[in-house]
């Protein structure tokens, strides 16, 4: 699996030198979406489909349990779905 480390609620309020898995997942989603504005839009679509109901102005640290659940759902599906449309379909199904 590309992201072996699970996302935990305390990751959103802690600092460390190496990136937390949710940051790496976001980077991967941006790349899958084509980078730039298209990548950002795709990342937002995936987060919404995975269960994150808030817009970009609400930080993950405000709802850490929901954020960790959302990112862990994405993390588990990223391994088998490396195309944007298949990932979105897997999250919807």
C-alpha atoms as a PDB file:
ATOM      1  CA  UNK A   1       0.000   0.000   0.000  1.00  0.00           C
ATOM      2  CA  UNK A   2       1.290   3.442  -0.894  1.00  0.00           C
ATOM      3  CA  UNK A   3       0.165   4.968   2.419  1.00  0.00           C
ATOM      4  CA  UNK A   4       0.833   2.445   5.157  1.00  0.00           C
ATOM      5  CA  UNK A   5       0.426   4.880   8.042  1.00  0.00           C
ATOM      6  CA  UNK A   6      -3.165   5.521   9.081  1.00  0.00           C
ATOM      7  CA  UNK A   7      -4.366   9.076   9.619  1.00  0.00           C
ATOM      8  CA  UNK A   8      -5.135   9.857  13.274  1.00  0.00           C
ATOM      9  CA  UNK A   9      -7.083  12.830  14.659  1.00  0.00           C
ATOM     10  CA  UNK A  10      -4.030  14.212  16.468  1.00  0.00           C
ATOM     11  CA  UNK A  11      -2.177  14.546  13.148  1.00  0.00           C
ATOM     12  CA  UNK A  12      -4.162  17.706  12.448  1.00  0.00           C
ATOM     13  CA  UNK A  13      -2.901  19.496  15.563  1.00  0.00           C
ATOM     14  CA  UNK A  14       0.678  18.209  15.752  1.00  0.00           C
ATOM     15  CA  UNK A  15       3.871  19.202  13.985  1.00  0.00           C
ATOM     16  CA  UNK A  16       6.710  16.936  12.861  1.00  0.00           C
ATOM     17  CA  UNK A  17       9.554  17.039  10.350  1.00  0.00           C
ATOM     18  CA  UNK A  18       8.212  14.323   8.047  1.00  0.00           C
ATOM     19  CA  UNK A  19       4.843  14.951   6.396  1.00  0.00           C
ATOM     20  CA  UNK A  20       1.801  13.318   7.880  1.00  0.00           C
ATOM     21  CA  UNK A  21      -0.050  10.852   5.633  1.00  0.00           C
ATOM     22  CA  UNK A  22      -2.953  13.222   5.005  1.00  0.00           C
ATOM     23  CA  UNK A  23      -0.564  15.771   3.481  1.00  0.00           C
ATOM     24  CA  UNK A  24       0.900  13.092   1.207  1.00  0.00           C
ATOM     25  CA  UNK A  25      -2.601  11.946   0.235  1.00  0.00           C
ATOM     26  CA  UNK A  26      -3.518  15.517  -0.673  1.00  0.00           C
ATOM     27  CA  UNK A  27      -0.376  15.787  -2.825  1.00  0.00           C
ATOM     28  CA  UNK A  28      -1.266  12.553  -4.611  1.00  0.00           C
ATOM     29  CA  UNK A  29      -4.812  13.752  -5.261  1.00  0.00           C
ATOM     30  CA  UNK A  30      -3.506  17.020  -6.689  1.00  0.00           C
ATOM     31  CA  UNK A  31      -1.209  15.094  -9.037  1.00  0.00           C
ATOM     32  CA  UNK A  32      -3.979  12.705 -10.070  1.00  0.00           C
ATOM     33  CA  UNK A  33      -6.196  15.670 -10.905  1.00  0.00           C
ATOM     34  CA  UNK A  34      -3.599  17.219 -13.179  1.00  0.00           C
ATOM     35  CA  UNK A  35      -2.077  19.773 -10.836  1.00  0.00           C
ATOM     36  CA  UNK A  36      -2.932  23.450 -10.541  1.00  0.00           C
ATOM     37  CA  UNK A  37      -6.570  24.483 -10.487  1.00  0.00           C
ATOM     38  CA  UNK A  38      -7.732  21.151 -11.957  1.00  0.00           C
ATOM     39  CA  UNK A  39      -5.843  19.224  -9.281  1.00  0.00           C
ATOM     40  CA  UNK A  40      -7.280  21.374  -6.523  1.00  0.00           C
ATOM     41  CA  UNK A  41     -10.783  20.887  -7.882  1.00  0.00           C
ATOM     42  CA  UNK A  42     -10.277  17.122  -8.062  1.00  0.00           C
ATOM     43  CA  UNK A  43      -8.962  17.051  -4.477  1.00  0.00           C
ATOM     44  CA  UNK A  44     -12.099  18.877  -3.311  1.00  0.00           C
ATOM     45  CA  UNK A  45     -14.326  16.429  -5.238  1.00  0.00           C
ATOM     46  CA  UNK A  46     -12.599  13.433  -3.652  1.00  0.00           C
ATOM     47  CA  UNK A  47     -12.798  14.885  -0.141  1.00  0.00           C
ATOM     48  CA  UNK A  48     -16.503  15.587  -0.617  1.00  0.00           C
ATOM     49  CA  UNK A  49     -17.151  12.099  -2.006  1.00  0.00           C
ATOM     50  CA  UNK A  50     -15.226  10.553   0.898  1.00  0.00           C
ATOM     51  CA  UNK A  51     -17.319  12.320   3.519  1.00  0.00           C
ATOM     52  CA  UNK A  52     -15.759  15.747   4.191  1.00  0.00           C
ATOM     53  CA  UNK A  53     -18.763  18.118   3.983  1.00  0.00           C
ATOM     54  CA  UNK A  54     -16.919  21.378   4.684  1.00  0.00           C
ATOM     55  CA  UNK A  55     -15.513  23.895   2.246  1.00  0.00           C
ATOM     56  CA  UNK A  56     -11.880  24.928   1.986  1.00  0.00           C
ATOM     57  CA  UNK A  57     -12.224  27.543   4.722  1.00  0.00           C
ATOM     58  CA  UNK A  58     -12.842  24.986   7.476  1.00  0.00           C
ATOM     59  CA  UNK A  59      -9.544  23.507   8.663  1.00  0.00           C
ATOM     60  CA  UNK A  60      -9.238  19.765   9.238  1.00  0.00           C
ATOM     61  CA  UNK A  61      -8.195  20.483  12.845  1.00  0.00           C
ATOM     62  CA  UNK A  62     -11.669  21.839  13.583  1.00  0.00           C
ATOM     63  CA  UNK A  63     -13.181  18.362  12.979  1.00  0.00           C
ATOM     64  CA  UNK A  64     -10.216  15.997  13.417  1.00  0.00           C
ATOM     65  CA  UNK A  65     -12.208  12.774  13.846  1.00  0.00           C
ATOM     66  CA  UNK A  66     -14.215  13.348  10.675  1.00  0.00           C
ATOM     67  CA  UNK A  67     -11.073  14.410   8.804  1.00  0.00           C
ATOM     68  CA  UNK A  68      -9.163  11.285   9.844  1.00  0.00           C
ATOM     69  CA  UNK A  69     -12.096   9.057   8.844  1.00  0.00           C
ATOM     70  CA  UNK A  70     -12.306  10.800   5.467  1.00  0.00           C
ATOM     71  CA  UNK A  71      -8.586  10.537   4.754  1.00  0.00           C
ATOM     72  CA  UNK A  72      -8.413   6.906   5.858  1.00  0.00           C
ATOM     73  CA  UNK A  73     -11.241   6.058   3.473  1.00  0.00           C
ATOM     74  CA  UNK A  74      -9.319   7.720   0.632  1.00  0.00           C
ATOM     75  CA  UNK A  75      -6.059   6.078   1.754  1.00  0.00           C
ATOM     76  CA  UNK A  76      -7.537   2.597   1.508  1.00  0.00           C
ATOM     77  CA  UNK A  77      -8.927   3.207  -1.980  1.00  0.00           C
ATOM     78  CA  UNK A  78      -5.880   4.939  -3.493  1.00  0.00           C
ATOM     79  CA  UNK A  79      -3.911   1.706  -3.724  1.00  0.00           C
ATOM     80  CA  UNK A  80      -6.290   0.034  -6.156  1.00  0.00           C
ATOM     81  CA  UNK A  81      -7.603   3.088  -7.990  1.00  0.00           C
ATOM     82  CA  UNK A  82      -4.913   5.146  -9.685  1.00  0.00           C
ATOM     83  CA  UNK A  83      -7.199   6.924 -12.168  1.00  0.00           C
ATOM     84  CA  UNK A  84      -9.344   9.914 -11.138  1.00  0.00           C
ATOM     85  CA  UNK A  85     -12.609   8.508 -12.487  1.00  0.00           C
ATOM     86  CA  UNK A  86     -12.141   5.071 -10.883  1.00  0.00           C
ATOM     87  CA  UNK A  87     -11.307   6.639  -7.511  1.00  0.00           C
ATOM     88  CA  UNK A  88     -14.430   8.818  -7.593  1.00  0.00           C
ATOM     89  CA  UNK A  89     -16.539   5.840  -8.664  1.00  0.00           C
ATOM     90  CA  UNK A  90     -15.145   3.724  -5.812  1.00  0.00           C
ATOM     91  CA  UNK A  91     -15.936   6.460  -3.302  1.00  0.00           C
ATOM     92  CA  UNK A  92     -19.463   6.791  -4.644  1.00  0.00           C
ATOM     93  CA  UNK A  93     -20.124   3.046  -4.563  1.00  0.00           C
END
